[in-house]
């Protein structure tokens, strides 16, 4: 079972989501109902909802990139270590996801705010599971997992 702790550090999120905690909890519960892979485990992560200024600071500090971005993921475990940890423990902390409100608002207007948000936090979650997209084959594998989770929450 996946559990996401939502941290709101920018009040402007409330203009788009009345209750971010409830929104994410409902989406995660849909994933938990359909994804039986971790049914007897508690996979926990944090989701920080912030703005361009804050995510730029984090990007500079941890990735040495002095620019804003839409999403950052900070996995607590590497992919192989996570597999071993999942086999040994019932409760596992996956890591942290950070999402930039300004980037979601600035995306193509044809796509709704909630869809953009869902794509970003799911993308971040898949990173926390140890997936990367440095190589094309990894990109496509990761994209398939994301599409599966996004179908679960529609």
Protein backbone atom coordinates (compact mmCIF):
# COMPACT_ATOMS: atom_id res chain seq x y z
CA UNK A 1 0.00 0.00 0.00
CA UNK A 2 1.30 3.41 -0.94
CA UNK A 3 0.88 6.40 1.41
CA UNK A 4 1.83 9.94 0.39
CA UNK A 5 2.22 12.64 3.02
CA UNK A 6 1.40 15.99 1.42
CA UNK A 7 3.24 19.09 2.60
CA UNK A 8 1.93 22.43 1.39
CA UNK A 9 4.46 25.24 1.62
CA UNK A 10 2.80 27.64 -0.82
CA UNK A 11 -0.74 28.83 -0.12
CA UNK A 12 -1.35 29.52 -3.85
CA UNK A 13 -1.94 25.78 -4.32
CA UNK A 14 -5.28 26.26 -2.56
CA UNK A 15 -6.51 28.30 -5.56
CA UNK A 16 -6.32 25.13 -7.65
CA UNK A 17 -6.91 22.39 -5.07
CA UNK A 18 -9.15 23.05 -2.08
CA UNK A 19 -7.63 20.21 -0.11
CA UNK A 20 -4.41 18.79 -1.62
CA UNK A 21 -4.23 16.03 1.03
CA UNK A 22 -7.67 14.72 0.18
CA UNK A 23 -7.02 14.97 -3.57
CA UNK A 24 -3.79 12.95 -3.37
CA UNK A 25 -5.27 10.44 -0.87
CA UNK A 26 -8.16 9.67 -3.25
CA UNK A 27 -5.79 9.15 -6.19
CA UNK A 28 -3.43 6.98 -4.18
CA UNK A 29 -6.31 4.84 -2.90
CA UNK A 30 -7.27 4.13 -6.52
CA UNK A 31 -3.72 2.96 -7.21
CA UNK A 32 -3.74 0.85 -4.05
CA UNK A 33 -6.98 -0.88 -5.08
CA UNK A 34 -5.61 -1.92 -8.47
CA UNK A 35 -1.92 -2.40 -7.74
CA UNK A 36 -1.67 -5.60 -5.74
CA UNK A 37 2.12 -5.77 -5.97
CA UNK A 38 2.69 -4.12 -2.58
CA UNK A 39 -0.59 -4.99 -0.91
CA UNK A 40 0.98 -6.15 2.37
CA UNK A 41 3.63 -3.43 2.50
CA UNK A 42 3.46 0.22 3.54
CA UNK A 43 5.37 2.35 1.05
CA UNK A 44 5.55 5.91 2.32
CA UNK A 45 6.77 9.10 0.67
CA UNK A 46 6.43 12.85 1.03
CA UNK A 47 5.06 15.23 -1.57
CA UNK A 48 6.06 18.87 -1.18
CA UNK A 49 3.84 21.29 -3.10
CA UNK A 50 5.84 24.44 -3.66
CA UNK A 51 6.72 27.18 -6.16
CA UNK A 52 9.49 28.06 -8.64
CA UNK A 53 11.71 29.86 -6.14
CA UNK A 54 11.78 26.97 -3.67
CA UNK A 55 12.23 24.22 -6.24
CA UNK A 56 15.06 26.19 -7.85
CA UNK A 57 16.86 26.28 -4.48
CA UNK A 58 16.46 22.52 -4.12
CA UNK A 59 17.54 21.88 -7.70
CA UNK A 60 20.67 23.98 -7.17
CA UNK A 61 21.52 22.43 -3.81
CA UNK A 62 21.00 18.78 -4.72
CA UNK A 63 21.43 18.60 -8.51
CA UNK A 64 23.78 21.55 -9.07
CA UNK A 65 21.33 23.03 -11.60
CA UNK A 66 20.55 26.69 -11.03
CA UNK A 67 17.09 26.64 -12.58
CA UNK A 68 13.50 25.92 -11.79
CA UNK A 69 11.88 22.66 -12.87
CA UNK A 70 8.46 21.02 -12.70
CA UNK A 71 9.23 18.05 -10.47
CA UNK A 72 12.10 16.72 -8.38
CA UNK A 73 12.41 13.27 -6.85
CA UNK A 74 14.72 12.27 -4.06
CA UNK A 75 14.69 8.47 -3.74
CA UNK A 76 15.74 7.15 -0.35
CA UNK A 77 16.90 3.84 -1.87
CA UNK A 78 18.53 2.74 -5.09
CA UNK A 79 16.55 0.27 -7.22
CA UNK A 80 18.32 -2.88 -6.00
CA UNK A 81 18.46 -1.71 -2.40
CA UNK A 82 14.72 -0.97 -2.54
CA UNK A 83 13.97 -4.52 -3.74
CA UNK A 84 15.92 -5.95 -0.80
CA UNK A 85 14.31 -3.52 1.65
CA UNK A 86 10.82 -4.39 0.40
CA UNK A 87 11.56 -8.09 0.88
CA UNK A 88 12.81 -7.54 4.45
CA UNK A 89 10.56 -4.80 5.84
CA UNK A 90 6.86 -4.18 6.06
CA UNK A 91 7.14 -0.38 6.16
CA UNK A 92 9.46 1.38 3.71
CA UNK A 93 10.17 5.07 3.26
CA UNK A 94 10.57 5.70 -0.49
CA UNK A 95 11.73 9.32 -0.48
CA UNK A 96 10.45 12.74 -1.43
CA UNK A 97 8.74 14.34 -4.41
CA UNK A 98 8.65 18.11 -4.97
CA UNK A 99 6.23 19.74 -7.42
CA UNK A 100 6.31 23.31 -8.69
CA UNK A 101 2.93 25.04 -8.92
CA UNK A 102 4.22 27.62 -11.41
CA UNK A 103 5.21 24.95 -13.93
CA UNK A 104 1.82 23.26 -13.78
CA UNK A 105 0.02 26.56 -14.31
CA UNK A 106 2.27 27.38 -17.27
CA UNK A 107 1.72 24.12 -19.14
CA UNK A 108 -0.36 23.90 -22.29
CA UNK A 109 -3.86 25.24 -21.55
CA UNK A 110 -5.50 22.31 -23.35
CA UNK A 111 -4.50 20.04 -20.48
CA UNK A 112 -6.22 20.64 -17.19
CA UNK A 113 -4.38 21.48 -13.98
CA UNK A 114 -5.25 18.19 -12.23
CA UNK A 115 -4.01 16.11 -15.16
CA UNK A 116 -0.68 17.94 -15.10
CA UNK A 117 -0.42 17.47 -11.35
CA UNK A 118 -1.20 13.76 -11.65
CA UNK A 119 1.43 13.27 -14.35
CA UNK A 120 4.07 14.96 -12.22
CA UNK A 121 3.47 13.21 -8.92
CA UNK A 122 3.15 9.83 -10.64
CA UNK A 123 6.40 10.53 -12.51
CA UNK A 124 8.05 11.37 -9.20
CA UNK A 125 6.65 8.25 -7.55
CA UNK A 126 8.02 6.02 -10.31
CA UNK A 127 11.44 7.62 -9.74
CA UNK A 128 11.13 6.73 -6.06
CA UNK A 129 10.66 3.12 -7.12
CA UNK A 130 14.15 3.33 -8.62
CA UNK A 131 13.36 3.99 -12.26
CA UNK A 132 15.34 6.47 -14.31
CA UNK A 133 15.12 7.76 -17.86
CA UNK A 134 18.72 8.36 -18.86
CA UNK A 135 18.59 5.76 -21.65
CA UNK A 136 15.79 5.40 -24.21
CA UNK A 137 14.88 1.88 -23.08
CA UNK A 138 14.64 3.07 -19.48
CA UNK A 139 12.57 6.06 -20.57
CA UNK A 140 10.03 3.81 -22.32
CA UNK A 141 9.89 1.36 -19.42
CA UNK A 142 9.30 4.19 -16.99
CA UNK A 143 6.70 5.75 -19.28
CA UNK A 144 4.77 2.45 -19.39
CA UNK A 145 4.65 2.27 -15.60
CA UNK A 146 3.47 5.88 -15.42
CA UNK A 147 0.74 5.24 -17.98
CA UNK A 148 -0.45 2.23 -15.99
CA UNK A 149 -0.71 4.29 -12.77
CA UNK A 150 -2.41 7.16 -14.59
CA UNK A 151 -5.02 4.72 -15.97
CA UNK A 152 -5.64 3.53 -12.41
CA UNK A 153 -6.48 7.04 -11.21
CA UNK A 154 -8.74 8.18 -14.06
